[in-house]
């Protein structure tokens, strides 16, 4: 394998993952953060990279065409919405995911956001810090008994489902393509889930077909006072419609880890809302999860270099080996 070069689209890689590449004689090239595809293509061409570990940035056909030695795209994570799958398939490039690597971390973050939102933790904290002791004026809500609807029940969603069930929540799932854990209800339609869930949490990848799936129509199907959690992809939610739903009082609150633009622009209306909790797209960034993502992304590269068969569970574009290209209206992780 010596003489091969891997581009990491970011400024760092977990120590153990870097050591694994070093041990196999692989040279590593890093890019700056928030770099555009033209700049990535220039780096790929300059170093004639054999593989790309995708941490951030858009990987389009320009990037793929830049190196005549490129044989694999390995995602440092599970979302592949920033990679042109059709272009990769045309070029015979497998796009591999770190499936399940950060699932526990992302699921724990989701449960934490549900707790913080429903129990008003941040609003109460601000109130106390401002000198208010509103013990007798606040009536809280219980998590147990609330109806939680999950859109998507893959590696992350299934952990959320099991954990929420143990907390006493009534969990139901809309995911036509994936088996759900034992004891978890499945709705026959998205509309059924939205109209019967007091908390809705998103756990599906972003595709061209489900862009803005939570919009002025679908958000208003949720019961008045319902809550929205999004730790998946910002593009799943039409933010103007979400803001309108929150301002009108139709929605009780929202907790977001991802946004239409990252970072969101200064003075974004969501920043001013007391019933919204915001985190900087770090749901899957726990220590164990980050290490697992890095190690899996590197192992996927090494397996490809070694000519090992591609594993279906990590392959985002099965058409590259003769299977159907994964692009249904809602394809769940």
Protein backbone atom coordinates (compact mmCIF):
# COMPACT_ATOMS: atom_id res chain seq x y z
CA UNK A 1 0.00 0.00 0.00
CA UNK A 2 2.98 2.32 0.36
CA UNK A 3 3.03 5.40 -1.83
CA UNK A 4 -0.69 6.04 -1.51
CA UNK A 5 -2.07 9.40 -0.41
CA UNK A 6 -5.30 10.14 1.46
CA UNK A 7 -6.87 13.59 1.66
CA UNK A 8 -8.73 14.42 4.88
CA UNK A 9 -11.18 17.27 4.32
CA UNK A 10 -10.50 18.97 7.62
CA UNK A 11 -7.50 19.97 9.68
CA UNK A 12 -7.18 16.90 11.90
CA UNK A 13 -7.84 13.20 12.37
CA UNK A 14 -8.08 11.18 15.58
CA UNK A 15 -4.62 10.06 16.75
CA UNK A 16 -5.31 6.31 16.52
CA UNK A 17 -6.78 6.68 13.04
CA UNK A 18 -3.80 8.68 11.86
CA UNK A 19 -1.46 6.08 13.34
CA UNK A 20 -3.31 3.32 11.46
CA UNK A 21 -2.74 5.12 8.16
CA UNK A 22 0.91 5.71 9.07
CA UNK A 23 1.37 2.03 9.91
CA UNK A 24 0.15 1.12 6.43
CA UNK A 25 2.47 3.56 4.72
CA UNK A 26 -0.27 5.99 3.74
CA UNK A 27 0.58 9.67 3.46
CA UNK A 28 -2.04 12.11 4.78
CA UNK A 29 -2.90 15.52 3.38
CA UNK A 30 -5.25 17.85 5.24
CA UNK A 31 -7.41 20.70 3.97
CA UNK A 32 -8.50 23.85 5.73
CA UNK A 33 -11.96 23.99 7.29
CA UNK A 34 -14.90 25.40 5.30
CA UNK A 35 -13.11 25.00 2.00
CA UNK A 36 -14.99 24.97 -1.31
CA UNK A 37 -14.95 22.20 -3.91
CA UNK A 38 -12.63 24.07 -6.27
CA UNK A 39 -9.99 24.33 -3.54
CA UNK A 40 -10.47 20.67 -2.60
CA UNK A 41 -10.06 19.71 -6.25
CA UNK A 42 -6.81 21.65 -6.42
CA UNK A 43 -5.43 19.78 -3.39
CA UNK A 44 -6.57 16.42 -4.79
CA UNK A 45 -4.90 17.16 -8.11
CA UNK A 46 -1.67 18.46 -6.58
CA UNK A 47 -1.18 15.35 -4.45
CA UNK A 48 -2.85 12.84 -6.83
CA UNK A 49 -4.79 11.41 -3.91
CA UNK A 50 -5.89 7.77 -3.85
CA UNK A 51 -8.66 8.26 -1.30
CA UNK A 52 -10.61 11.03 0.40
CA UNK A 53 -11.85 10.90 3.98
CA UNK A 54 -14.76 13.33 3.98
CA UNK A 55 -15.20 15.28 7.20
CA UNK A 56 -16.67 18.42 5.64
CA UNK A 57 -16.99 20.22 2.33
CA UNK A 58 -18.86 19.42 -0.87
CA UNK A 59 -17.43 16.51 -2.85
CA UNK A 60 -18.72 17.02 -6.37
CA UNK A 61 -17.64 15.73 -9.77
CA UNK A 62 -14.93 18.39 -9.98
CA UNK A 63 -13.23 17.00 -6.88
CA UNK A 64 -13.60 13.40 -8.07
CA UNK A 65 -12.12 14.21 -11.47
CA UNK A 66 -9.11 15.98 -10.01
CA UNK A 67 -7.02 12.89 -9.27
CA UNK A 68 -6.56 10.05 -11.75
CA UNK A 69 -5.65 7.75 -8.83
CA UNK A 70 -8.79 8.28 -6.72
CA UNK A 71 -10.50 4.97 -5.87
CA UNK A 72 -12.59 5.60 -2.73
CA UNK A 73 -14.57 8.24 -0.85
CA UNK A 74 -14.89 7.44 2.85
CA UNK A 75 -17.27 9.43 5.01
CA UNK A 76 -16.13 10.40 8.52
CA UNK A 77 -19.74 9.94 9.67
CA UNK A 78 -22.94 8.63 8.12
CA UNK A 79 -24.53 11.53 6.22
CA UNK A 80 -23.61 11.61 2.53
CA UNK A 81 -25.72 14.57 1.39
CA UNK A 82 -22.59 16.60 0.57
CA UNK A 83 -21.28 13.91 -1.79
CA UNK A 84 -22.57 13.62 -5.35
CA UNK A 85 -23.51 9.93 -5.27
CA UNK A 86 -24.49 9.77 -8.92
CA UNK A 87 -21.18 11.26 -10.02
CA UNK A 88 -19.30 8.83 -7.78
CA UNK A 89 -21.24 5.90 -9.21
CA UNK A 90 -20.57 6.98 -12.79
CA UNK A 91 -16.88 7.09 -11.98
CA UNK A 92 -16.95 3.72 -10.23
CA UNK A 93 -16.04 5.25 -6.87
CA UNK A 94 -17.51 3.56 -3.79
CA UNK A 95 -18.83 5.97 -1.16
CA UNK A 96 -18.44 4.34 2.24
CA UNK A 97 -20.03 5.38 5.55
CA UNK A 98 -19.02 4.93 9.17
CA UNK A 99 -22.37 3.28 9.82
CA UNK A 100 -23.32 3.17 13.50
CA UNK A 101 -19.99 4.58 14.68
CA UNK A 102 -21.46 7.58 16.50
CA UNK A 103 -24.99 6.27 16.96
CA UNK A 104 -24.90 6.13 20.76
CA UNK A 105 -23.51 9.65 21.05
CA UNK A 106 -26.12 11.11 18.69
CA UNK A 107 -28.93 9.22 20.41
CA UNK A 108 -27.83 10.40 23.86
CA UNK A 109 -27.72 13.99 22.59
CA UNK A 110 -31.25 13.59 21.26
CA UNK A 111 -32.56 12.28 24.57
CA UNK A 112 -30.76 15.11 26.37
CA UNK A 113 -32.42 17.70 24.13
CA UNK A 114 -35.83 16.14 24.71
CA UNK A 115 -35.30 16.34 28.46
CA UNK A 116 -33.95 19.90 28.38
CA UNK A 117 -36.78 21.12 26.17
CA UNK A 118 -39.68 19.40 27.90
CA UNK A 119 -38.42 20.19 31.41
CA UNK A 120 -37.57 23.86 30.57
CA UNK A 121 -34.05 23.44 31.97
CA UNK A 122 -32.49 26.38 30.14
CA UNK A 123 -35.38 28.78 30.69
CA UNK A 124 -35.40 27.96 34.41
CA UNK A 125 -31.62 28.35 34.60
CA UNK A 126 -31.80 31.80 33.00
CA UNK A 127 -34.60 32.82 35.32
CA UNK A 128 -32.69 31.85 38.47
CA UNK A 129 -29.52 33.57 37.25
CA UNK A 130 -31.55 36.74 36.71
CA UNK A 131 -32.65 36.67 40.34
CA UNK A 132 -36.10 35.16 39.90
CA UNK A 133 -37.20 32.36 42.19
CA UNK A 134 -40.29 31.20 40.32
CA UNK A 135 -40.79 27.99 42.21
CA UNK A 136 -44.49 28.54 42.74
CA UNK A 137 -45.23 29.94 39.30
CA UNK A 138 -43.83 27.10 37.22
CA UNK A 139 -45.67 23.87 36.54
CA UNK A 140 -43.46 21.43 34.70
CA UNK A 141 -44.20 18.58 32.33
CA UNK A 142 -43.39 14.90 32.74
CA UNK A 143 -41.50 12.96 30.07
CA UNK A 144 -43.27 9.72 30.94
CA UNK A 145 -46.46 9.28 28.99
CA UNK A 146 -45.61 11.70 26.19
CA UNK A 147 -46.05 10.40 22.64
CA UNK A 148 -42.71 10.47 20.80
CA UNK A 149 -42.70 10.09 17.03
CA UNK A 150 -39.45 9.15 15.30
CA UNK A 151 -38.99 9.74 11.59
CA UNK A 152 -36.37 7.13 10.80
CA UNK A 153 -35.33 4.15 12.91
CA UNK A 154 -31.83 3.22 11.84
CA UNK A 155 -28.80 2.98 14.11
CA UNK A 156 -29.54 6.25 15.92
CA UNK A 157 -33.32 6.18 15.85
CA UNK A 158 -33.50 2.65 17.25
CA UNK A 159 -31.37 3.62 20.27
CA UNK A 160 -33.56 6.68 20.85
CA UNK A 161 -36.65 4.47 20.61
CA UNK A 162 -35.42 1.96 23.17
CA UNK A 163 -34.16 4.62 25.57
CA UNK A 164 -37.31 6.72 25.37
CA UNK A 165 -39.45 3.64 25.95
CA UNK A 166 -37.53 2.89 29.15
CA UNK A 167 -38.24 6.48 30.23
CA UNK A 168 -41.94 5.83 29.88
CA UNK A 169 -42.54 7.63 26.60
CA UNK A 170 -45.00 6.16 24.11
CA UNK A 171 -42.81 5.69 21.04
CA UNK A 172 -43.97 5.28 17.47
CA UNK A 173 -41.92 5.24 14.27
CA UNK A 174 -42.42 6.10 10.63
CA UNK A 175 -39.84 4.24 8.58
CA UNK A 176 -41.14 2.14 5.69
CA UNK A 177 -37.73 0.62 4.93
CA UNK A 178 -36.28 -0.44 8.29
CA UNK A 179 -37.27 -2.91 10.99
CA UNK A 180 -38.17 -1.32 14.32
CA UNK A 181 -37.18 -2.63 17.78
CA UNK A 182 -39.52 -5.06 19.49
CA UNK A 183 -42.32 -3.33 21.34
CA UNK A 184 -42.10 -0.11 19.31
CA UNK A 185 -45.15 0.92 17.29
CA UNK A 186 -44.97 1.73 13.60
CA UNK A 187 -47.28 4.22 11.87
CA UNK A 188 -48.58 3.53 8.38
CA UNK A 189 -47.90 7.07 7.16
CA UNK A 190 -45.98 10.21 7.97
CA UNK A 191 -49.26 12.05 8.46
CA UNK A 192 -50.37 9.55 11.11
CA UNK A 193 -47.13 10.04 13.02
CA UNK A 194 -47.26 13.84 12.84
CA UNK A 195 -50.87 14.18 13.93
CA UNK A 196 -50.51 11.82 16.91
CA UNK A 197 -47.07 12.75 18.33
CA UNK A 198 -46.42 15.35 21.02
CA UNK A 199 -42.69 15.24 20.30
CA UNK A 200 -41.29 14.57 16.80
CA UNK A 201 -37.61 13.71 16.35
CA UNK A 202 -35.86 13.43 12.97
CA UNK A 203 -33.44 10.57 12.29
CA UNK A 204 -33.26 10.33 8.51
CA UNK A 205 -30.57 11.45 6.06
CA UNK A 206 -31.14 14.40 3.75
CA UNK A 207 -31.98 13.62 0.12
CA UNK A 208 -33.21 15.73 -2.77
CA UNK A 209 -36.64 14.19 -2.26
CA UNK A 210 -37.07 14.93 1.46
CA UNK A 211 -35.58 18.43 1.51
CA UNK A 212 -37.83 20.58 3.76
CA UNK A 213 -40.01 17.63 4.67
CA UNK A 214 -40.91 19.60 7.81
CA UNK A 215 -42.58 22.64 6.26
CA UNK A 216 -45.61 24.90 6.64
CA UNK A 217 -47.86 21.96 5.77
CA UNK A 218 -46.32 19.18 7.85
CA UNK A 219 -45.45 21.31 10.89
CA UNK A 220 -49.05 22.45 11.15
CA UNK A 221 -50.24 18.83 11.18
CA UNK A 222 -48.52 18.40 14.53
CA UNK A 223 -50.73 18.93 17.61
CA UNK A 224 -50.75 22.43 19.06
CA UNK A 225 -47.95 22.75 21.60
CA UNK A 226 -45.91 19.89 20.10
CA UNK A 227 -42.10 19.89 20.04
CA UNK A 228 -39.65 19.28 17.19
CA UNK A 229 -36.17 17.78 17.64
CA UNK A 230 -33.65 17.75 14.79
CA UNK A 231 -30.27 16.09 15.24
CA UNK A 232 -30.17 14.81 11.66
CA UNK A 233 -29.75 17.39 8.87
CA UNK A 234 -30.72 21.06 8.74
CA UNK A 235 -32.18 20.80 5.26
CA UNK A 236 -34.97 18.54 6.52
CA UNK A 237 -36.63 21.56 8.15
CA UNK A 238 -37.88 24.68 6.39
CA UNK A 239 -36.65 27.18 8.97
CA UNK A 240 -39.01 30.02 8.04
CA UNK A 241 -41.96 27.69 8.57
CA UNK A 242 -40.52 26.50 11.88
CA UNK A 243 -40.04 30.08 13.06
CA UNK A 244 -43.61 30.91 12.08
CA UNK A 245 -44.91 27.89 13.97
CA UNK A 246 -42.97 28.84 17.08
CA UNK A 247 -43.95 32.51 16.94
CA UNK A 248 -47.63 31.67 16.49
CA UNK A 249 -47.63 29.34 19.47
CA UNK A 250 -48.67 26.36 17.37
CA UNK A 251 -45.39 24.67 18.28
CA UNK A 252 -44.36 24.54 21.90
CA UNK A 253 -40.65 24.52 21.20
CA UNK A 254 -37.78 23.09 19.19
CA UNK A 255 -34.31 21.72 19.84
CA UNK A 256 -31.90 21.86 16.92
CA UNK A 257 -28.40 20.55 16.37
CA UNK A 258 -28.28 21.28 12.63
CA UNK A 259 -29.33 24.16 10.42
CA UNK A 260 -29.95 25.27 6.84
CA UNK A 261 -26.72 27.27 6.99
CA UNK A 262 -23.90 26.33 9.34
CA UNK A 263 -23.08 28.29 11.31
CA UNK A 264 -26.38 30.20 11.16
CA UNK A 265 -26.06 33.90 10.31
CA UNK A 266 -25.76 36.38 13.14
CA UNK A 267 -29.06 37.73 14.46
CA UNK A 268 -30.92 34.66 13.19
CA UNK A 269 -34.50 34.74 14.59
CA UNK A 270 -34.02 31.33 16.23
CA UNK A 271 -31.35 32.83 18.49
CA UNK A 272 -33.88 35.14 20.08
CA UNK A 273 -36.47 32.48 20.99
CA UNK A 274 -36.65 31.32 24.58
CA UNK A 275 -38.45 28.09 23.64
CA UNK A 276 -35.66 26.95 21.31
CA UNK A 277 -32.48 25.07 22.29
CA UNK A 278 -29.54 25.26 19.89
CA UNK A 279 -26.36 23.17 19.75
CA UNK A 280 -23.59 23.48 17.10
CA UNK A 281 -24.02 20.22 15.13
CA UNK A 282 -22.20 18.10 17.68
CA UNK A 283 -24.77 15.40 18.48
CA UNK A 284 -22.46 12.65 17.28
CA UNK A 285 -19.26 14.22 18.56
CA UNK A 286 -18.75 12.31 21.79
CA UNK A 287 -15.23 11.04 22.44
CA UNK A 288 -16.04 7.41 21.73
CA UNK A 289 -18.15 8.34 18.73
CA UNK A 290 -15.47 10.56 17.20
CA UNK A 291 -12.83 7.88 17.63
CA UNK A 292 -15.12 5.23 16.14
CA UNK A 293 -15.96 7.43 13.14
CA UNK A 294 -12.30 8.13 12.45
CA UNK A 295 -11.23 4.50 12.81
CA UNK A 296 -14.10 3.21 10.67
CA UNK A 297 -13.48 5.76 7.93
CA UNK A 298 -9.80 4.79 7.82
CA UNK A 299 -10.53 1.05 7.87
CA UNK A 300 -12.96 1.52 4.97
CA UNK A 301 -10.18 3.19 2.99
CA UNK A 302 -7.67 0.47 3.83
CA UNK A 303 -10.15 -2.29 2.94
CA UNK A 304 -10.72 -0.68 -0.45
CA UNK A 305 -7.00 -0.27 -1.11
CA UNK A 306 -6.53 -3.95 -0.20
CA UNK A 307 -9.26 -5.05 -2.61
CA UNK A 308 -11.57 -6.46 0.05
CA UNK A 309 -15.25 -6.89 -0.88
CA UNK A 310 -17.41 -3.84 -0.15
CA UNK A 311 -19.79 -4.37 2.76
CA UNK A 312 -23.39 -3.49 1.93
CA UNK A 313 -24.07 -1.84 5.28
CA UNK A 314 -21.41 0.82 4.71
CA UNK A 315 -21.90 1.36 0.97
CA UNK A 316 -23.92 4.48 0.15
CA UNK A 317 -24.02 3.86 -3.61
CA UNK A 318 -24.62 0.13 -4.21
CA UNK A 319 -25.05 0.78 -7.93
CA UNK A 320 -21.27 1.01 -8.06
CA UNK A 321 -21.27 -2.79 -7.69
CA UNK A 322 -24.44 -3.41 -9.65
CA UNK A 323 -27.12 -2.64 -7.04
CA UNK A 324 -29.80 0.06 -7.29
CA UNK A 325 -28.67 3.60 -6.51
CA UNK A 326 -30.02 4.54 -3.09
CA UNK A 327 -32.30 7.54 -3.72
CA UNK A 328 -35.92 6.87 -2.66
CA UNK A 329 -38.09 9.66 -1.30
CA UNK A 330 -37.09 8.83 2.25
CA UNK A 331 -34.10 6.55 2.74
CA UNK A 332 -33.34 6.03 6.41
CA UNK A 333 -30.00 5.52 8.11
